[in-house]
Amino acid sequence: MANPSFERKGVVKIADNLLIKLFEETKGDECESIKIDDIYSRSIISSNSKDETGLKNNVIQHLNELGDITINPKRTEISITPEGISHYKILKRIREEVK
């Protein structure tokens, strides 16, 4: 379960950005995985969190709890799941409607 000390809205926003980046970089290929640190650093817009590692862990945990990603046993790489692909499509549609 995610740490309640982090603002949920911030975690969700970063998680959504990370999911979009993950889909785009893997082209929706469930077999391709990306290093967590690399994708996270490209997904975060700005953060004033004093605990970046804790925030990153909460973002990854949030996506994992939703079933959007799978995490390798060493917890160093993630890949998108079919649920993540569906969630990505919904996010993209919403963002396009808001524009």
N, C-alpha and C. Protein backbone atom coordinates (compact mmCIF):
# COMPACT_ATOMS: atom_id res chain seq x y z
N MET A 1 0.84 -1.18 0.00
CA MET A 1 0.00 0.00 0.00
C MET A 1 0.89 1.25 0.00
N ALA A 2 0.46 2.24 -0.74
CA ALA A 2 1.24 3.47 -0.88
C ALA A 2 1.32 4.23 0.44
N ASN A 3 2.41 4.95 0.62
CA ASN A 3 2.64 5.73 1.82
C ASN A 3 1.73 6.96 1.82
N PRO A 4 0.88 7.11 2.85
CA PRO A 4 -0.06 8.24 2.87
C PRO A 4 0.61 9.59 3.09
N SER A 5 1.90 9.62 3.43
CA SER A 5 2.55 10.91 3.66
C SER A 5 2.78 11.68 2.36
N PHE A 6 2.71 11.00 1.23
CA PHE A 6 2.85 11.68 -0.05
C PHE A 6 1.47 12.08 -0.55
N GLU A 7 1.39 13.28 -1.11
CA GLU A 7 0.12 13.76 -1.63
C GLU A 7 -0.33 12.87 -2.78
N ARG A 8 -1.52 12.29 -2.63
CA ARG A 8 -2.03 11.34 -3.62
C ARG A 8 -2.10 11.94 -5.02
N LYS A 9 -2.55 13.18 -5.11
CA LYS A 9 -2.68 13.83 -6.41
C LYS A 9 -1.33 13.88 -7.13
N GLY A 10 -0.27 14.20 -6.40
CA GLY A 10 1.06 14.25 -7.00
C GLY A 10 1.54 12.89 -7.46
N VAL A 11 1.29 11.87 -6.65
CA VAL A 11 1.69 10.51 -7.00
C VAL A 11 0.95 10.06 -8.26
N VAL A 12 -0.34 10.32 -8.32
CA VAL A 12 -1.15 9.90 -9.48
C VAL A 12 -0.69 10.63 -10.74
N LYS A 13 -0.41 11.92 -10.63
CA LYS A 13 0.03 12.69 -11.81
C LYS A 13 1.35 12.16 -12.34
N ILE A 14 2.30 11.91 -11.46
CA ILE A 14 3.59 11.36 -11.90
C ILE A 14 3.40 9.96 -12.46
N ALA A 15 2.54 9.17 -11.82
CA ALA A 15 2.27 7.80 -12.29
C ALA A 15 1.67 7.83 -13.69
N ASP A 16 0.74 8.74 -13.93
CA ASP A 16 0.14 8.86 -15.26
C ASP A 16 1.20 9.23 -16.30
N ASN A 17 2.06 10.19 -15.96
CA ASN A 17 3.13 10.58 -16.88
C ASN A 17 4.07 9.41 -17.16
N LEU A 18 4.40 8.66 -16.11
CA LEU A 18 5.29 7.52 -16.27
C LEU A 18 4.66 6.46 -17.16
N LEU A 19 3.38 6.20 -16.97
CA LEU A 19 2.69 5.20 -17.79
C LEU A 19 2.69 5.61 -19.27
N ILE A 20 2.45 6.88 -19.53
CA ILE A 20 2.47 7.36 -20.92
C ILE A 20 3.86 7.20 -21.52
N LYS A 21 4.90 7.61 -20.78
CA LYS A 21 6.28 7.46 -21.27
C LYS A 21 6.61 5.98 -21.49
N LEU A 22 6.20 5.12 -20.57
CA LEU A 22 6.48 3.69 -20.69
C LEU A 22 5.84 3.13 -21.95
N PHE A 23 4.58 3.49 -22.20
CA PHE A 23 3.90 3.00 -23.40
C PHE A 23 4.62 3.50 -24.66
N GLU A 24 4.93 4.79 -24.68
CA GLU A 24 5.57 5.37 -25.87
C GLU A 24 6.94 4.75 -26.13
N GLU A 25 7.71 4.54 -25.09
CA GLU A 25 9.07 4.01 -25.28
C GLU A 25 9.09 2.52 -25.60
N THR A 26 8.09 1.79 -25.13
CA THR A 26 8.04 0.35 -25.45
C THR A 26 7.14 0.08 -26.63
N LYS A 27 6.48 1.13 -27.13
CA LYS A 27 5.50 1.01 -28.23
C LYS A 27 4.41 -0.01 -27.89
N GLY A 28 4.07 -0.08 -26.60
CA GLY A 28 3.01 -0.97 -26.14
C GLY A 28 3.40 -2.43 -26.11
N ASP A 29 4.69 -2.72 -26.23
CA ASP A 29 5.16 -4.11 -26.22
C ASP A 29 5.32 -4.58 -24.78
N GLU A 30 4.48 -5.55 -24.39
CA GLU A 30 4.51 -6.06 -23.02
C GLU A 30 5.80 -6.79 -22.69
N CYS A 31 6.52 -7.24 -23.69
CA CYS A 31 7.76 -8.00 -23.46
C CYS A 31 8.96 -7.10 -23.23
N GLU A 32 8.84 -5.84 -23.58
CA GLU A 32 9.97 -4.92 -23.42
C GLU A 32 9.91 -4.25 -22.05
N SER A 33 11.04 -4.20 -21.39
CA SER A 33 11.09 -3.55 -20.08
C SER A 33 12.09 -2.41 -20.11
N ILE A 34 11.91 -1.48 -19.17
CA ILE A 34 12.73 -0.27 -19.10
C ILE A 34 13.19 -0.11 -17.65
N LYS A 35 14.40 0.39 -17.48
CA LYS A 35 14.92 0.62 -16.13
C LYS A 35 14.05 1.66 -15.42
N ILE A 36 13.68 1.33 -14.19
CA ILE A 36 12.79 2.19 -13.41
C ILE A 36 13.39 3.59 -13.25
N ASP A 37 14.65 3.68 -12.88
CA ASP A 37 15.26 5.00 -12.64
C ASP A 37 15.25 5.86 -13.90
N ASP A 38 15.51 5.26 -15.06
CA ASP A 38 15.53 6.02 -16.31
C ASP A 38 14.15 6.57 -16.65
N ILE A 39 13.15 5.73 -16.63
CA ILE A 39 11.80 6.16 -17.02
C ILE A 39 11.22 7.13 -15.99
N TYR A 40 11.52 6.91 -14.72
CA TYR A 40 11.01 7.79 -13.67
C TYR A 40 11.59 9.20 -13.85
N SER A 41 12.88 9.29 -14.08
CA SER A 41 13.50 10.62 -14.21
C SER A 41 12.96 11.38 -15.42
N ARG A 42 12.55 10.68 -16.46
CA ARG A 42 11.99 11.34 -17.64
C ARG A 42 10.50 11.65 -17.46
N SER A 43 9.87 11.09 -16.45
CA SER A 43 8.43 11.26 -16.26
C SER A 43 8.08 12.36 -15.27
N ILE A 44 9.00 12.65 -14.39
CA ILE A 44 8.69 13.61 -13.34
C ILE A 44 8.90 15.03 -13.88
N ILE A 45 7.90 15.85 -13.72
CA ILE A 45 7.95 17.23 -14.20
C ILE A 45 8.71 18.08 -13.18
N SER A 46 8.23 18.10 -11.98
CA SER A 46 8.92 18.77 -10.89
C SER A 46 8.39 18.21 -9.59
N SER A 47 9.24 18.22 -8.62
CA SER A 47 8.85 17.71 -7.32
C SER A 47 9.60 18.50 -6.26
N ASN A 48 8.89 18.85 -5.22
CA ASN A 48 9.56 19.50 -4.10
C ASN A 48 9.61 18.54 -2.92
N SER A 49 9.53 17.25 -3.22
CA SER A 49 9.59 16.23 -2.18
C SER A 49 11.00 16.13 -1.63
N LYS A 50 11.09 16.05 -0.30
CA LYS A 50 12.39 15.88 0.34
C LYS A 50 12.82 14.42 0.27
N ASP A 51 11.91 13.55 -0.08
CA ASP A 51 12.20 12.11 -0.14
C ASP A 51 11.89 11.60 -1.54
N GLU A 52 12.79 11.89 -2.49
CA GLU A 52 12.57 11.48 -3.89
C GLU A 52 12.46 9.97 -4.03
N THR A 53 13.29 9.22 -3.29
CA THR A 53 13.24 7.76 -3.38
C THR A 53 11.89 7.25 -2.89
N GLY A 54 11.40 7.82 -1.81
CA GLY A 54 10.09 7.42 -1.29
C GLY A 54 8.98 7.76 -2.27
N LEU A 55 9.07 8.93 -2.89
CA LEU A 55 8.07 9.33 -3.88
C LEU A 55 8.09 8.37 -5.07
N LYS A 56 9.29 8.08 -5.57
CA LYS A 56 9.43 7.15 -6.70
C LYS A 56 8.84 5.79 -6.34
N ASN A 57 9.14 5.30 -5.15
CA ASN A 57 8.61 4.00 -4.73
C ASN A 57 7.09 4.02 -4.66
N ASN A 58 6.51 5.14 -4.21
CA ASN A 58 5.05 5.26 -4.16
C ASN A 58 4.43 5.28 -5.54
N VAL A 59 5.08 5.95 -6.48
CA VAL A 59 4.58 6.00 -7.86
C VAL A 59 4.58 4.60 -8.46
N ILE A 60 5.70 3.89 -8.32
CA ILE A 60 5.82 2.53 -8.85
C ILE A 60 4.82 1.61 -8.18
N GLN A 61 4.68 1.73 -6.87
CA GLN A 61 3.74 0.90 -6.13
C GLN A 61 2.30 1.18 -6.58
N HIS A 62 1.97 2.44 -6.80
CA HIS A 62 0.63 2.82 -7.25
C HIS A 62 0.31 2.14 -8.59
N LEU A 63 1.23 2.22 -9.55
CA LEU A 63 1.01 1.59 -10.85
C LEU A 63 0.93 0.08 -10.73
N ASN A 64 1.74 -0.49 -9.86
CA ASN A 64 1.73 -1.93 -9.66
C ASN A 64 0.40 -2.38 -9.05
N GLU A 65 -0.11 -1.63 -8.08
CA GLU A 65 -1.40 -1.96 -7.46
C GLU A 65 -2.54 -1.87 -8.46
N LEU A 66 -2.44 -0.95 -9.42
CA LEU A 66 -3.47 -0.83 -10.46
C LEU A 66 -3.38 -1.97 -11.47
N GLY A 67 -2.24 -2.65 -11.50
CA GLY A 67 -2.03 -3.72 -12.48
C GLY A 67 -1.54 -3.19 -13.81
N ASP A 68 -1.07 -1.93 -13.84
CA ASP A 68 -0.62 -1.30 -15.08
C ASP A 68 0.78 -1.73 -15.49
N ILE A 69 1.57 -2.17 -14.52
CA ILE A 69 2.96 -2.55 -14.80
C ILE A 69 3.30 -3.86 -14.12
N THR A 70 4.36 -4.48 -14.60
CA THR A 70 4.98 -5.58 -13.87
C THR A 70 6.40 -5.14 -13.55
N ILE A 71 6.89 -5.61 -12.42
CA ILE A 71 8.21 -5.24 -11.94
C ILE A 71 9.07 -6.50 -11.93
N ASN A 72 10.29 -6.40 -12.44
CA ASN A 72 11.15 -7.58 -12.43
C ASN A 72 11.54 -7.93 -10.99
N PRO A 73 11.98 -9.17 -10.74
CA PRO A 73 12.30 -9.59 -9.37
C PRO A 73 13.34 -8.73 -8.66
N LYS A 74 14.27 -8.15 -9.40
CA LYS A 74 15.29 -7.29 -8.78
C LYS A 74 14.77 -5.88 -8.51
N ARG A 75 13.55 -5.60 -8.94
CA ARG A 75 12.91 -4.29 -8.77
C ARG A 75 13.72 -3.17 -9.44
N THR A 76 14.27 -3.48 -10.62
CA THR A 76 15.06 -2.48 -11.34
C THR A 76 14.42 -2.10 -12.67
N GLU A 77 13.53 -2.95 -13.19
CA GLU A 77 12.90 -2.69 -14.48
C GLU A 77 11.40 -2.93 -14.39
N ILE A 78 10.67 -2.20 -15.25
CA ILE A 78 9.23 -2.38 -15.33
C ILE A 78 8.83 -2.60 -16.78
N SER A 79 7.68 -3.22 -16.95
CA SER A 79 7.10 -3.35 -18.28
C SER A 79 5.60 -3.10 -18.16
N ILE A 80 4.99 -2.75 -19.27
CA ILE A 80 3.57 -2.42 -19.29
C ILE A 80 2.75 -3.71 -19.39
N THR A 81 1.56 -3.71 -18.84
CA THR A 81 0.65 -4.85 -18.91
C THR A 81 -0.52 -4.51 -19.83
N PRO A 82 -1.36 -5.49 -20.19
CA PRO A 82 -2.55 -5.17 -20.97
C PRO A 82 -3.44 -4.13 -20.27
N GLU A 83 -3.52 -4.20 -18.94
CA GLU A 83 -4.30 -3.21 -18.19
C GLU A 83 -3.67 -1.83 -18.33
N GLY A 84 -2.34 -1.79 -18.31
CA GLY A 84 -1.63 -0.52 -18.49
C GLY A 84 -1.86 0.08 -19.86
N ILE A 85 -1.92 -0.78 -20.87
CA ILE A 85 -2.19 -0.31 -22.23
C ILE A 85 -3.58 0.30 -22.30
N SER A 86 -4.56 -0.35 -21.69
CA SER A 86 -5.93 0.19 -21.66
C SER A 86 -5.97 1.52 -20.92
N HIS A 87 -5.30 1.58 -19.78
CA HIS A 87 -5.26 2.81 -18.98
C HIS A 87 -4.58 3.93 -19.78
N TYR A 88 -3.51 3.60 -20.50
CA TYR A 88 -2.81 4.58 -21.35
C TYR A 88 -3.77 5.17 -22.38
N LYS A 89 -4.54 4.32 -23.04
CA LYS A 89 -5.47 4.79 -24.08
C LYS A 89 -6.51 5.74 -23.49
N ILE A 90 -6.99 5.44 -22.30
CA ILE A 90 -7.95 6.31 -21.63
C ILE A 90 -7.30 7.65 -21.30
N LEU A 91 -6.09 7.61 -20.74
CA LEU A 91 -5.37 8.85 -20.40
C LEU A 91 -5.15 9.72 -21.63
N LYS A 92 -4.72 9.12 -22.73
CA LYS A 92 -4.48 9.88 -23.95
C LYS A 92 -5.77 10.53 -24.46
N ARG A 93 -6.87 9.78 -24.41
CA ARG A 93 -8.15 10.31 -24.87
C ARG A 93 -8.57 11.49 -24.00
N ILE A 94 -8.43 11.36 -22.70
CA ILE A 94 -8.81 12.44 -21.79
C ILE A 94 -7.94 13.67 -22.04
N ARG A 95 -6.65 13.47 -22.18
CA ARG A 95 -5.75 14.61 -22.39
C ARG A 95 -6.02 15.30 -23.72
N GLU A 96 -6.41 14.55 -24.74
CA GLU A 96 -6.74 15.16 -26.03
C GLU A 96 -8.03 15.95 -25.94
N GLU A 97 -9.00 15.47 -25.17
CA GLU A 97 -10.27 16.18 -25.01
C GLU A 97 -10.09 17.47 -24.24
N VAL A 98 -9.13 17.49 -23.32
CA VAL A 98 -8.90 18.67 -22.49
C VAL A 98 -8.21 19.78 -23.28
N LYS A 99 -7.44 19.42 -24.30
CA LYS A 99 -6.70 20.42 -25.09
C LYS A 99 -7.60 21.39 -25.79
